[in-house]
Amino acid sequence: MDIVTIIIALVAIFIAWKLLAGIVKTVALVGILIVAAIIVFGGLG
């Protein structure tokens, strides 16, 4: 697993959590998690 990708995803989640609200927050968090999972598990590698 790529630790840098995980760190970037966690930072992105933290920023989204602080800056966004409601459904926008939910969509952003899900999107971040999907992108991170694809990268970590080799979908784009």
N, C-alpha and C. Protein backbone atom coordinates (compact mmCIF):
# COMPACT_ATOMS: atom_id res chain seq x y z
N MET A 1 0.84 -1.20 0.00
CA MET A 1 0.00 0.00 0.00
C MET A 1 0.87 1.25 0.00
N ASP A 2 0.41 2.24 -0.68
CA ASP A 2 1.18 3.48 -0.84
C ASP A 2 0.84 4.44 0.29
N ILE A 3 1.76 4.58 1.22
CA ILE A 3 1.52 5.40 2.41
C ILE A 3 1.32 6.87 2.05
N VAL A 4 1.99 7.35 1.02
CA VAL A 4 1.82 8.75 0.60
C VAL A 4 0.39 9.00 0.15
N THR A 5 -0.16 8.07 -0.63
CA THR A 5 -1.55 8.21 -1.09
C THR A 5 -2.51 8.24 0.09
N ILE A 6 -2.25 7.38 1.07
CA ILE A 6 -3.11 7.33 2.26
C ILE A 6 -3.05 8.65 3.01
N ILE A 7 -1.86 9.20 3.18
CA ILE A 7 -1.69 10.48 3.88
C ILE A 7 -2.41 11.59 3.13
N ILE A 8 -2.24 11.64 1.80
CA ILE A 8 -2.92 12.66 1.00
C ILE A 8 -4.43 12.52 1.13
N ALA A 9 -4.93 11.29 1.09
CA ALA A 9 -6.38 11.08 1.23
C ALA A 9 -6.87 11.55 2.59
N LEU A 10 -6.12 11.24 3.65
CA LEU A 10 -6.52 11.68 4.99
C LEU A 10 -6.54 13.20 5.10
N VAL A 11 -5.55 13.87 4.52
CA VAL A 11 -5.52 15.33 4.52
C VAL A 11 -6.71 15.89 3.75
N ALA A 12 -7.00 15.29 2.59
CA ALA A 12 -8.14 15.75 1.78
C ALA A 12 -9.45 15.56 2.53
N ILE A 13 -9.59 14.43 3.22
CA ILE A 13 -10.80 14.18 4.02
C ILE A 13 -10.92 15.21 5.13
N PHE A 14 -9.81 15.50 5.81
CA PHE A 14 -9.84 16.49 6.89
C PHE A 14 -10.25 17.86 6.37
N ILE A 15 -9.68 18.27 5.23
CA ILE A 15 -10.02 19.58 4.65
C ILE A 15 -11.50 19.62 4.25
N ALA A 16 -11.96 18.55 3.58
CA ALA A 16 -13.36 18.51 3.17
C ALA A 16 -14.29 18.56 4.38
N TRP A 17 -13.91 17.84 5.46
CA TRP A 17 -14.73 17.81 6.68
C TRP A 17 -14.85 19.20 7.28
N LYS A 18 -13.75 19.97 7.27
CA LYS A 18 -13.75 21.31 7.87
C LYS A 18 -14.45 22.35 7.00
N LEU A 19 -14.32 22.24 5.68
CA LEU A 19 -14.78 23.31 4.79
C LEU A 19 -16.18 23.10 4.23
N LEU A 20 -16.61 21.84 4.11
CA LEU A 20 -17.86 21.57 3.43
C LEU A 20 -18.95 21.18 4.44
N ALA A 21 -20.19 21.17 3.96
CA ALA A 21 -21.30 20.82 4.84
C ALA A 21 -22.36 20.08 4.06
N GLY A 22 -23.17 19.31 4.77
CA GLY A 22 -24.33 18.66 4.19
C GLY A 22 -23.97 17.63 3.13
N ILE A 23 -24.80 17.58 2.09
CA ILE A 23 -24.65 16.57 1.03
C ILE A 23 -23.36 16.77 0.26
N VAL A 24 -22.90 18.02 0.14
CA VAL A 24 -21.64 18.29 -0.56
C VAL A 24 -20.49 17.61 0.16
N LYS A 25 -20.50 17.67 1.50
CA LYS A 25 -19.48 17.01 2.30
C LYS A 25 -19.50 15.51 2.05
N THR A 26 -20.69 14.92 2.08
CA THR A 26 -20.82 13.48 1.88
C THR A 26 -20.28 13.06 0.52
N VAL A 27 -20.68 13.78 -0.53
CA VAL A 27 -20.22 13.46 -1.88
C VAL A 27 -18.71 13.60 -1.97
N ALA A 28 -18.15 14.66 -1.40
CA ALA A 28 -16.70 14.86 -1.45
C ALA A 28 -15.96 13.76 -0.72
N LEU A 29 -16.42 13.37 0.45
CA LEU A 29 -15.76 12.32 1.23
C LEU A 29 -15.81 10.99 0.50
N VAL A 30 -16.95 10.64 -0.06
CA VAL A 30 -17.07 9.39 -0.81
C VAL A 30 -16.16 9.41 -2.02
N GLY A 31 -16.11 10.54 -2.73
CA GLY A 31 -15.24 10.66 -3.89
C GLY A 31 -13.78 10.50 -3.54
N ILE A 32 -13.35 11.13 -2.46
CA ILE A 32 -11.96 11.01 -2.00
C ILE A 32 -11.64 9.55 -1.67
N LEU A 33 -12.53 8.89 -0.95
CA LEU A 33 -12.29 7.49 -0.58
C LEU A 33 -12.22 6.58 -1.80
N ILE A 34 -13.08 6.81 -2.78
CA ILE A 34 -13.07 5.99 -3.99
C ILE A 34 -11.77 6.18 -4.76
N VAL A 35 -11.35 7.42 -4.94
CA VAL A 35 -10.10 7.69 -5.66
C VAL A 35 -8.92 7.07 -4.93
N ALA A 36 -8.87 7.25 -3.61
CA ALA A 36 -7.77 6.68 -2.83
C ALA A 36 -7.76 5.15 -2.93
N ALA A 37 -8.92 4.53 -2.87
CA ALA A 37 -8.98 3.06 -2.97
C ALA A 37 -8.51 2.58 -4.33
N ILE A 38 -8.91 3.27 -5.39
CA ILE A 38 -8.48 2.88 -6.73
C ILE A 38 -6.96 2.97 -6.85
N ILE A 39 -6.38 4.06 -6.34
CA ILE A 39 -4.94 4.24 -6.42
C ILE A 39 -4.22 3.20 -5.57
N VAL A 40 -4.65 3.03 -4.32
CA VAL A 40 -3.96 2.13 -3.39
C VAL A 40 -4.03 0.68 -3.87
N PHE A 41 -5.17 0.27 -4.39
CA PHE A 41 -5.35 -1.12 -4.76
C PHE A 41 -5.02 -1.41 -6.22
N GLY A 42 -4.37 -0.46 -6.89
CA GLY A 42 -3.79 -0.73 -8.19
C GLY A 42 -4.68 -0.52 -9.38
N GLY A 43 -5.81 0.13 -9.20
CA GLY A 43 -6.70 0.36 -10.33
C GLY A 43 -6.09 1.26 -11.39
N LEU A 44 -5.26 2.20 -10.96
CA LEU A 44 -4.63 3.13 -11.90
C LEU A 44 -3.13 2.89 -12.03
N GLY A 45 -2.60 1.97 -11.25
CA GLY A 45 -1.15 1.74 -11.20
C GLY A 45 -0.64 0.98 -12.35
